[in-house]
C-alpha atoms as a PDB file:
ATOM      1  CA  UNK A   1       0.144  -0.131   0.396  1.00  0.00           C
ATOM      2  CA  UNK A   2       2.721   2.089   1.480  1.00  0.00           C
ATOM      3  CA  UNK A   3       4.737   1.368  -1.684  1.00  0.00           C
ATOM      4  CA  UNK A   4       1.638   2.199  -4.922  1.00  0.00           C
ATOM      5  CA  UNK A   5       1.213   5.799  -2.470  1.00  0.00           C
ATOM      6  CA  UNK A   6       4.943   6.748  -3.276  1.00  0.00           C
ATOM      7  CA  UNK A   7       4.681   5.401  -6.719  1.00  0.00           C
ATOM      8  CA  UNK A   8       1.561   7.994  -7.256  1.00  0.00           C
ATOM      9  CA  UNK A   9       3.744  10.863  -5.682  1.00  0.00           C
ATOM     10  CA  UNK A  10       6.264  10.555  -8.110  1.00  0.00           C
ATOM     11  CA  UNK A  11       3.731  10.754 -10.834  1.00  0.00           C
ATOM     12  CA  UNK A  12       2.295  13.732  -9.785  1.00  0.00           C
ATOM     13  CA  UNK A  13       6.041  15.238  -9.085  1.00  0.00           C
ATOM     14  CA  UNK A  14       6.370  14.262 -12.832  1.00  0.00           C
ATOM     15  CA  UNK A  15       3.420  16.041 -14.449  1.00  0.00           C
ATOM     16  CA  UNK A  16       3.813  18.403 -12.274  1.00  0.00           C
ATOM     17  CA  UNK A  17       7.688  19.133 -13.604  1.00  0.00           C
ATOM     18  CA  UNK A  18       6.732  18.206 -17.462  1.00  0.00           C
ATOM     19  CA  UNK A  19       3.313  21.173 -17.169  1.00  0.00           C
ATOM     20  CA  UNK A  20       6.321  23.998 -15.553  1.00  0.00           C
ATOM     21  CA  UNK A  21       8.512  22.944 -18.462  1.00  0.00           C
ATOM     22  CA  UNK A  22       6.329  23.075 -20.671  1.00  0.00           C
ATOM     23  CA  UNK A  23       4.709  26.265 -19.676  1.00  0.00           C
ATOM     24  CA  UNK A  24       8.367  27.787 -19.146  1.00  0.00           C
ATOM     25  CA  UNK A  25       9.059  27.274 -22.886  1.00  0.00           C
ATOM     26  CA  UNK A  26       5.723  28.264 -23.571  1.00  0.00           C
ATOM     27  CA  UNK A  27       6.476  31.664 -21.641  1.00  0.00           C
ATOM     28  CA  UNK A  28       9.860  31.910 -23.304  1.00  0.00           C
ATOM     29  CA  UNK A  29       8.872  31.416 -26.973  1.00  0.00           C
ATOM     30  CA  UNK A  30       6.183  34.346 -26.069  1.00  0.00           C
ATOM     31  CA  UNK A  31       8.957  36.319 -24.520  1.00  0.00           C
ATOM     32  CA  UNK A  32      11.125  35.676 -28.505  1.00  0.00           C
ATOM     33  CA  UNK A  33       8.214  37.005 -30.207  1.00  0.00           C
ATOM     34  CA  UNK A  34       7.133  39.937 -28.940  1.00  0.00           C
ATOM     35  CA  UNK A  35       9.098  42.918 -29.494  1.00  0.00           C
ATOM     36  CA  UNK A  36      10.883  44.824 -26.767  1.00  0.00           C
ATOM     37  CA  UNK A  37      10.170  48.795 -26.206  1.00  0.00           C
ATOM     38  CA  UNK A  38      13.539  49.801 -26.720  1.00  0.00           C
ATOM     39  CA  UNK A  39      13.740  53.642 -25.149  1.00  0.00           C
ATOM     40  CA  UNK A  40      15.812  55.623 -27.536  1.00  0.00           C
ATOM     41  CA  UNK A  41      18.130  57.015 -24.452  1.00  0.00           C
ATOM     42  CA  UNK A  42      19.662  55.407 -21.671  1.00  0.00           C
ATOM     43  CA  UNK A  43      18.004  55.056 -18.220  1.00  0.00           C
ATOM     44  CA  UNK A  44      19.320  57.918 -15.476  1.00  0.00           C
ATOM     45  CA  UNK A  45      19.987  55.458 -13.603  1.00  0.00           C
ATOM     46  CA  UNK A  46      22.951  54.827 -15.882  1.00  0.00           C
ATOM     47  CA  UNK A  47      24.390  57.835 -15.224  1.00  0.00           C
ATOM     48  CA  UNK A  48      23.245  59.520 -18.250  1.00  0.00           C
ATOM     49  CA  UNK A  49      20.804  62.590 -18.880  1.00  0.00           C
ATOM     50  CA  UNK A  50      18.995  62.783 -22.170  1.00  0.00           C
ATOM     51  CA  UNK A  51      19.802  65.595 -24.276  1.00  0.00           C
ATOM     52  CA  UNK A  52      17.467  68.026 -24.611  1.00  0.00           C
ATOM     53  CA  UNK A  53      17.905  67.845 -28.345  1.00  0.00           C
ATOM     54  CA  UNK A  54      17.170  64.088 -30.077  1.00  0.00           C
ATOM     55  CA  UNK A  55      19.976  62.463 -31.709  1.00  0.00           C
ATOM     56  CA  UNK A  56      18.709  61.690 -35.063  1.00  0.00           C
ATOM     57  CA  UNK A  57      20.636  58.620 -37.070  1.00  0.00           C
ATOM     58  CA  UNK A  58      18.441  59.400 -40.092  1.00  0.00           C
ATOM     59  CA  UNK A  59      20.580  61.068 -42.776  1.00  0.00           C
ATOM     60  CA  UNK A  60      19.301  64.222 -42.723  1.00  0.00           C
ATOM     61  CA  UNK A  61      17.260  64.785 -46.216  1.00  0.00           C
ATOM     62  CA  UNK A  62      18.960  67.924 -47.875  1.00  0.00           C
ATOM     63  CA  UNK A  63      16.452  70.626 -48.529  1.00  0.00           C
ATOM     64  CA  UNK A  64      16.037  72.564 -51.566  1.00  0.00           C
ATOM     65  CA  UNK A  65      18.357  76.305 -50.802  1.00  0.00           C
ATOM     66  CA  UNK A  66      15.425  79.228 -52.182  1.00  0.00           C
ATOM     67  CA  UNK A  67      17.307  82.613 -52.961  1.00  0.00           C
ATOM     68  CA  UNK A  68      15.598  85.482 -52.430  1.00  0.00           C
ATOM     69  CA  UNK A  69      15.559  87.174 -55.851  1.00  0.00           C
ATOM     70  CA  UNK A  70      15.524  91.071 -55.395  1.00  0.00           C
ATOM     71  CA  UNK A  71      13.459  93.097 -57.096  1.00  0.00           C
ATOM     72  CA  UNK A  72      15.493  95.674 -59.116  1.00  0.00           C
ATOM     73  CA  UNK A  73      14.900  98.880 -58.012  1.00  0.00           C
ATOM     74  CA  UNK A  74      12.959 100.991 -59.738  1.00  0.00           C
ATOM     75  CA  UNK A  75      15.102 103.501 -61.337  1.00  0.00           C
ATOM     76  CA  UNK A  76      13.608 107.540 -60.939  1.00  0.00           C
ATOM     77  CA  UNK A  77      12.287 109.344 -63.348  1.00  0.00           C
ATOM     78  CA  UNK A  78      14.643 112.662 -63.853  1.00  0.00           C
ATOM     79  CA  UNK A  79      12.919 115.542 -63.597  1.00  0.00           C
ATOM     80  CA  UNK A  80      12.984 118.464 -66.159  1.00  0.00           C
ATOM     81  CA  UNK A  81      15.553 121.591 -64.740  1.00  0.00           C
ATOM     82  CA  UNK A  82      14.134 124.396 -66.616  1.00  0.00           C
ATOM     83  CA  UNK A  83      16.747 126.310 -68.656  1.00  0.00           C
ATOM     84  CA  UNK A  84      17.248 129.285 -67.298  1.00  0.00           C
ATOM     85  CA  UNK A  85      16.495 132.163 -69.639  1.00  0.00           C
ATOM     86  CA  UNK A  86      19.630 133.994 -70.956  1.00  0.00           C
ATOM     87  CA  UNK A  87      18.646 137.772 -71.419  1.00  0.00           C
ATOM     88  CA  UNK A  88      21.104 138.878 -73.954  1.00  0.00           C
ATOM     89  CA  UNK A  89      23.576 141.902 -72.600  1.00  0.00           C
ATOM     90  CA  UNK A  90      23.082 144.774 -74.940  1.00  0.00           C
ATOM     91  CA  UNK A  91      25.531 145.365 -77.905  1.00  0.00           C
ATOM     92  CA  UNK A  92      27.415 148.736 -77.592  1.00  0.00           C
ATOM     93  CA  UNK A  93      26.416 150.196 -80.102  1.00  0.00           C
ATOM     94  CA  UNK A  94      29.437 152.822 -80.987  1.00  0.00           C
ATOM     95  CA  UNK A  95      28.770 156.901 -82.294  1.00  0.00           C
ATOM     96  CA  UNK A  96      29.296 157.215 -85.889  1.00  0.00           C
ATOM     97  CA  UNK A  97      30.608 159.535 -88.048  1.00  0.00           C
ATOM     98  CA  UNK A  98      29.762 161.172 -92.071  1.00  0.00           C
ATOM     99  CA  UNK A  99      32.672 162.860 -93.660  1.00  0.00           C
ATOM    100  CA  UNK A 100      31.534 165.828 -94.613  1.00  0.00           C
ATOM    101  CA  UNK A 101      34.726 167.323 -96.612  1.00  0.00           C
ATOM    102  CA  UNK A 102      38.078 166.147 -97.868  1.00  0.00           C
ATOM    103  CA  UNK A 103      40.409 165.404 -94.925  1.00  0.00           C
ATOM    104  CA  UNK A 104      43.092 163.583 -93.783  1.00  0.00           C
ATOM    105  CA  UNK A 105      43.347 160.787 -91.296  1.00  0.00           C
ATOM    106  CA  UNK A 106      46.852 160.489 -89.454  1.00  0.00           C
ATOM    107  CA  UNK A 107      48.190 158.045 -87.338  1.00  0.00           C
ATOM    108  CA  UNK A 108      47.772 160.065 -83.995  1.00  0.00           C
ATOM    109  CA  UNK A 109      45.176 162.967 -82.510  1.00  0.00           C
ATOM    110  CA  UNK A 110      47.126 166.064 -84.524  1.00  0.00           C
ATOM    111  CA  UNK A 111      47.935 167.501 -87.640  1.00  0.00           C
ATOM    112  CA  UNK A 112      51.901 167.094 -86.197  1.00  0.00           C
ATOM    113  CA  UNK A 113      50.746 163.113 -87.178  1.00  0.00           C
ATOM    114  CA  UNK A 114      51.872 161.251 -90.510  1.00  0.00           C
ATOM    115  CA  UNK A 115      49.262 161.240 -93.206  1.00  0.00           C
ATOM    116  CA  UNK A 116      47.312 157.636 -92.798  1.00  0.00           C
ATOM    117  CA  UNK A 117      44.531 157.732 -95.320  1.00  0.00           C
ATOM    118  CA  UNK A 118      42.630 160.232 -97.222  1.00  0.00           C
ATOM    119  CA  UNK A 119      38.415 160.479 -96.275  1.00  0.00           C
ATOM    120  CA  UNK A 120      36.062 162.075 -98.776  1.00  0.00           C
ATOM    121  CA  UNK A 121      32.556 163.542 -98.360  1.00  0.00           C
ATOM    122  CA  UNK A 122      29.975 160.884 -97.482  1.00  0.00           C
ATOM    123  CA  UNK A 123      32.479 158.438 -96.344  1.00  0.00           C
ATOM    124  CA  UNK A 124      31.176 156.921 -92.990  1.00  0.00           C
ATOM    125  CA  UNK A 125      33.351 155.194 -89.982  1.00  0.00           C
ATOM    126  CA  UNK A 126      32.407 153.739 -86.328  1.00  0.00           C
ATOM    127  CA  UNK A 127      34.252 156.087 -83.859  1.00  0.00           C
ATOM    128  CA  UNK A 128      36.239 153.703 -80.928  1.00  0.00           C
ATOM    129  CA  UNK A 129      38.110 156.124 -79.292  1.00  0.00           C
ATOM    130  CA  UNK A 130      38.995 159.715 -78.638  1.00  0.00           C
ATOM    131  CA  UNK A 131      41.581 162.237 -77.167  1.00  0.00           C
ATOM    132  CA  UNK A 132      41.027 163.824 -73.988  1.00  0.00           C
ATOM    133  CA  UNK A 133      38.809 166.747 -74.984  1.00  0.00           C
ATOM    134  CA  UNK A 134      36.990 165.287 -77.883  1.00  0.00           C
ATOM    135  CA  UNK A 135      38.902 167.337 -80.752  1.00  0.00           C
ATOM    136  CA  UNK A 136      39.933 164.057 -82.415  1.00  0.00           C
ATOM    137  CA  UNK A 137      38.656 161.060 -82.805  1.00  0.00           C
ATOM    138  CA  UNK A 138      40.046 157.333 -83.289  1.00  0.00           C
ATOM    139  CA  UNK A 139      37.770 156.114 -86.023  1.00  0.00           C
ATOM    140  CA  UNK A 140      37.347 152.610 -88.083  1.00  0.00           C
ATOM    141  CA  UNK A 141      36.411 153.464 -91.715  1.00  0.00           C
ATOM    142  CA  UNK A 142      34.209 151.239 -93.219  1.00  0.00           C
ATOM    143  CA  UNK A 143      36.838 150.858 -96.455  1.00  0.00           C
ATOM    144  CA  UNK A 144      40.379 150.475 -94.563  1.00  0.00           C
ATOM    145  CA  UNK A 145      41.955 147.828 -92.707  1.00  0.00           C
ATOM    146  CA  UNK A 146      43.357 149.895 -89.918  1.00  0.00           C
ATOM    147  CA  UNK A 147      42.268 152.527 -87.304  1.00  0.00           C
ATOM    148  CA  UNK A 148      42.871 156.373 -87.682  1.00  0.00           C
ATOM    149  CA  UNK A 149      42.175 159.982 -86.540  1.00  0.00           C
ATOM    150  CA  UNK A 150      40.124 162.377 -87.762  1.00  0.00           C
ATOM    151  CA  UNK A 151      39.157 166.043 -86.417  1.00  0.00           C
ATOM    152  CA  UNK A 152      35.869 166.071 -84.975  1.00  0.00           C
ATOM    153  CA  UNK A 153      35.702 169.682 -87.268  1.00  0.00           C
ATOM    154  CA  UNK A 154      35.408 168.246 -90.623  1.00  0.00           C
ATOM    155  CA  UNK A 155      32.201 165.094 -89.630  1.00  0.00           C
ATOM    156  CA  UNK A 156      29.213 164.937 -88.783  1.00  0.00           C
ATOM    157  CA  UNK A 157      28.868 162.639 -85.597  1.00  0.00           C
ATOM    158  CA  UNK A 158      25.927 160.559 -84.833  1.00  0.00           C
ATOM    159  CA  UNK A 159      26.179 159.860 -80.807  1.00  0.00           C
ATOM    160  CA  UNK A 160      27.840 160.593 -78.084  1.00  0.00           C
ATOM    161  CA  UNK A 161      31.490 160.635 -78.465  1.00  0.00           C
ATOM    162  CA  UNK A 162      32.062 161.163 -74.763  1.00  0.00           C
ATOM    163  CA  UNK A 163      31.012 156.902 -74.507  1.00  0.00           C
ATOM    164  CA  UNK A 164      34.019 155.979 -76.249  1.00  0.00           C
ATOM    165  CA  UNK A 165      37.158 155.879 -73.955  1.00  0.00           C
ATOM    166  CA  UNK A 166      39.945 157.702 -74.505  1.00  0.00           C
ATOM    167  CA  UNK A 167      42.806 156.370 -76.456  1.00  0.00           C
ATOM    168  CA  UNK A 168      46.718 156.259 -77.014  1.00  0.00           C
ATOM    169  CA  UNK A 169      46.892 154.497 -79.981  1.00  0.00           C
ATOM    170  CA  UNK A 170      50.557 152.809 -81.017  1.00  0.00           C
ATOM    171  CA  UNK A 171      52.522 154.844 -84.117  1.00  0.00           C
ATOM    172  CA  UNK A 172      54.047 153.152 -87.096  1.00  0.00           C
ATOM    173  CA  UNK A 173      57.835 151.935 -85.867  1.00  0.00           C
ATOM    174  CA  UNK A 174      60.736 152.768 -88.250  1.00  0.00           C
ATOM    175  CA  UNK A 175      63.864 151.948 -88.384  1.00  0.00           C
ATOM    176  CA  UNK A 176      65.685 153.083 -91.085  1.00  0.00           C
ATOM    177  CA  UNK A 177      67.001 156.141 -89.137  1.00  0.00           C
ATOM    178  CA  UNK A 178      67.887 156.429 -85.867  1.00  0.00           C
ATOM    179  CA  UNK A 179      66.786 158.255 -82.860  1.00  0.00           C
ATOM    180  CA  UNK A 180      67.726 161.997 -82.002  1.00  0.00           C
ATOM    181  CA  UNK A 181      70.802 162.379 -80.092  1.00  0.00           C
ATOM    182  CA  UNK A 182      72.327 164.923 -77.665  1.00  0.00           C
ATOM    183  CA  UNK A 183      68.656 165.897 -76.604  1.00  0.00           C
ATOM    184  CA  UNK A 184      68.307 168.528 -73.704  1.00  0.00           C
ATOM    185  CA  UNK A 185      65.795 171.198 -71.974  1.00  0.00           C
ATOM    186  CA  UNK A 186      66.686 174.328 -70.074  1.00  0.00           C
ATOM    187  CA  UNK A 187      63.687 176.527 -68.671  1.00  0.00           C
ATOM    188  CA  UNK A 188      63.731 179.987 -68.446  1.00  0.00           C
ATOM    189  CA  UNK A 189      60.495 180.898 -66.023  1.00  0.00           C
ATOM    190  CA  UNK A 190      57.455 179.356 -67.904  1.00  0.00           C
ATOM    191  CA  UNK A 191      59.134 178.921 -70.716  1.00  0.00           C
ATOM    192  CA  UNK A 192      61.305 175.629 -71.450  1.00  0.00           C
ATOM    193  CA  UNK A 193      63.436 174.699 -75.107  1.00  0.00           C
ATOM    194  CA  UNK A 194      64.171 171.549 -75.929  1.00  0.00           C
ATOM    195  CA  UNK A 195      66.920 171.062 -78.356  1.00  0.00           C
ATOM    196  CA  UNK A 196      69.086 168.532 -79.978  1.00  0.00           C
ATOM    197  CA  UNK A 197      71.075 167.181 -82.850  1.00  0.00           C
ATOM    198  CA  UNK A 198      70.147 166.946 -86.233  1.00  0.00           C
ATOM    199  CA  UNK A 199      69.576 163.339 -87.661  1.00  0.00           C
ATOM    200  CA  UNK A 200      70.786 163.175 -91.154  1.00  0.00           C
ATOM    201  CA  UNK A 201      68.004 161.901 -93.732  1.00  0.00           C
ATOM    202  CA  UNK A 202      67.907 161.675 -97.449  1.00  0.00           C
ATOM    203  CA  UNK A 203      65.561 164.090 -98.482  1.00  0.00           C
ATOM    204  CA  UNK A 204      62.664 162.142 -99.826  1.00  0.00           C
ATOM    205  CA  UNK A 205      62.575 160.441 -96.443  1.00  0.00           C
ATOM    206  CA  UNK A 206      63.079 163.437 -94.067  1.00  0.00           C
ATOM    207  CA  UNK A 207      59.748 164.331 -92.308  1.00  0.00           C
ATOM    208  CA  UNK A 208      61.261 166.300 -89.828  1.00  0.00           C
ATOM    209  CA  UNK A 209      61.140 165.602 -85.557  1.00  0.00           C
ATOM    210  CA  UNK A 210      57.499 165.055 -83.300  1.00  0.00           C
ATOM    211  CA  UNK A 211      57.614 165.917 -79.704  1.00  0.00           C
ATOM    212  CA  UNK A 212      54.770 164.750 -77.552  1.00  0.00           C
ATOM    213  CA  UNK A 213      54.747 166.676 -74.155  1.00  0.00           C
ATOM    214  CA  UNK A 214      52.417 167.216 -71.176  1.00  0.00           C
ATOM    215  CA  UNK A 215      52.728 170.831 -70.111  1.00  0.00           C
ATOM    216  CA  UNK A 216      50.875 172.696 -67.668  1.00  0.00           C
ATOM    217  CA  UNK A 217      48.607 176.073 -69.139  1.00  0.00           C
ATOM    218  CA  UNK A 218      46.261 177.677 -66.937  1.00  0.00           C
ATOM    219  CA  UNK A 219      46.378 175.483 -64.608  1.00  0.00           C
ATOM    220  CA  UNK A 220      45.867 172.174 -66.228  1.00  0.00           C
ATOM    221  CA  UNK A 221      48.126 169.517 -67.619  1.00  0.00           C
ATOM    222  CA  UNK A 222      47.670 169.210 -71.652  1.00  0.00           C
ATOM    223  CA  UNK A 223      48.928 166.669 -73.797  1.00  0.00           C
ATOM    224  CA  UNK A 224      49.936 168.111 -76.665  1.00  0.00           C
ATOM    225  CA  UNK A 225      52.178 166.946 -79.988  1.00  0.00           C
ATOM    226  CA  UNK A 226      54.077 169.435 -82.018  1.00  0.00           C
ATOM    227  CA  UNK A 227      55.983 168.878 -85.469  1.00  0.00           C
ATOM    228  CA  UNK A 228      59.224 170.611 -86.514  1.00  0.00           C
ATOM    229  CA  UNK A 229      61.812 170.479 -89.079  1.00  0.00           C
ATOM    230  CA  UNK A 230      64.510 172.456 -86.931  1.00  0.00           C
ATOM    231  CA  UNK A 231      66.489 170.603 -84.017  1.00  0.00           C
ATOM    232  CA  UNK A 232      65.012 172.823 -81.039  1.00  0.00           C
ATOM    233  CA  UNK A 233      61.475 173.777 -79.765  1.00  0.00           C
ATOM    234  CA  UNK A 234      59.698 176.523 -77.142  1.00  0.00           C
ATOM    235  CA  UNK A 235      57.216 175.563 -75.028  1.00  0.00           C
ATOM    236  CA  UNK A 236      55.187 177.263 -72.661  1.00  0.00           C
ATOM    237  CA  UNK A 237      54.977 175.449 -69.003  1.00  0.00           C
ATOM    238  CA  UNK A 238      53.794 177.503 -66.199  1.00  0.00           C
ATOM    239  CA  UNK A 239      54.105 176.081 -62.232  1.00  0.00           C
ATOM    240  CA  UNK A 240      50.571 175.370 -60.168  1.00  0.00           C
ATOM    241  CA  UNK A 241      49.369 171.716 -61.786  1.00  0.00           C
ATOM    242  CA  UNK A 242      49.652 168.686 -59.543  1.00  0.00           C
ATOM    243  CA  UNK A 243      51.224 166.348 -62.295  1.00  0.00           C
ATOM    244  CA  UNK A 244      54.384 166.391 -63.866  1.00  0.00           C
ATOM    245  CA  UNK A 245      55.560 167.908 -66.945  1.00  0.00           C
ATOM    246  CA  UNK A 246      57.472 166.211 -69.712  1.00  0.00           C
ATOM    247  CA  UNK A 247      57.829 164.999 -73.104  1.00  0.00           C
ATOM    248  CA  UNK A 248      59.045 162.398 -75.880  1.00  0.00           C
ATOM    249  CA  UNK A 249      61.258 163.053 -78.917  1.00  0.00           C
ATOM    250  CA  UNK A 250      60.722 161.137 -82.244  1.00  0.00           C
ATOM    251  CA  UNK A 251      62.981 161.378 -85.374  1.00  0.00           C
ATOM    252  CA  UNK A 252      60.192 160.995 -88.236  1.00  0.00           C
ATOM    253  CA  UNK A 253      60.510 159.267 -91.595  1.00  0.00           C
ATOM    254  CA  UNK A 254      58.018 158.893 -94.297  1.00  0.00           C
ATOM    255  CA  UNK A 255      57.784 154.649 -93.113  1.00  0.00           C
ATOM    256  CA  UNK A 256      56.850 155.815 -89.363  1.00  0.00           C
ATOM    257  CA  UNK A 257      58.444 156.989 -86.243  1.00  0.00           C
ATOM    258  CA  UNK A 258      61.800 155.898 -84.383  1.00  0.00           C
ATOM    259  CA  UNK A 259      62.013 154.909 -80.766  1.00  0.00           C
ATOM    260  CA  UNK A 260      61.579 158.038 -78.740  1.00  0.00           C
ATOM    261  CA  UNK A 261      64.110 159.547 -76.396  1.00  0.00           C
ATOM    262  CA  UNK A 262      62.405 160.927 -73.161  1.00  0.00           C
ATOM    263  CA  UNK A 263      63.046 164.684 -72.447  1.00  0.00           C
ATOM    264  CA  UNK A 264      64.979 165.146 -69.238  1.00  0.00           C
ATOM    265  CA  UNK A 265      62.145 167.620 -68.340  1.00  0.00           C
ATOM    266  CA  UNK A 266      63.612 170.723 -66.525  1.00  0.00           C
END
């Protein structure tokens, strides 16, 4: 009886063990086919704290870069600047002359100067200058390439001669003969006598001498020009003027004037 119980006990024990083994095997198989959720981060208990930015193992797909296209700026339309109105400068109108009688037009303001050109009744010219008093006019005739001087007494003037400037024109220069030598001047009261040595010239060329002088008369300085064929000349030169008197002496031949000699005025 006892032996049967023992055998029964062994049978039960074997059955339990077999069932346990079977259960264990089934449980293991279940565990093998069931995926375990694995955290992408180590546990904090393992001494690692997850970063705030998750680590991606995927290869990033490049995104298409987009370059902003700048629209061309609009070119401002230029505004039209008004063209300033030019006010024309009034053109100066020179006075005119009409010759009233046949006359000589000369190289200087006076009969002491050489003849330059002939003027005839009805000739026209513009007045471009004058002497101080306006008694002689520096004109540009219509049919002449150069200026010359004419007496105001032989022309009809159209316009105001005092709107033109006082002119000292250049004399034609000649070098065939030399200027006077040994020029001197002496005073006797209001008289000043200028003298010099004669310059030899052929009879055909000889036109004498010219003196351009500034003298004091009646309290005013006067500019006068004199011609002489002699080798001396006397001037009236008074005292009482604010400026200085003086003069220049030229040798004159038919082609023009030599360099002047300054007179040492007493």
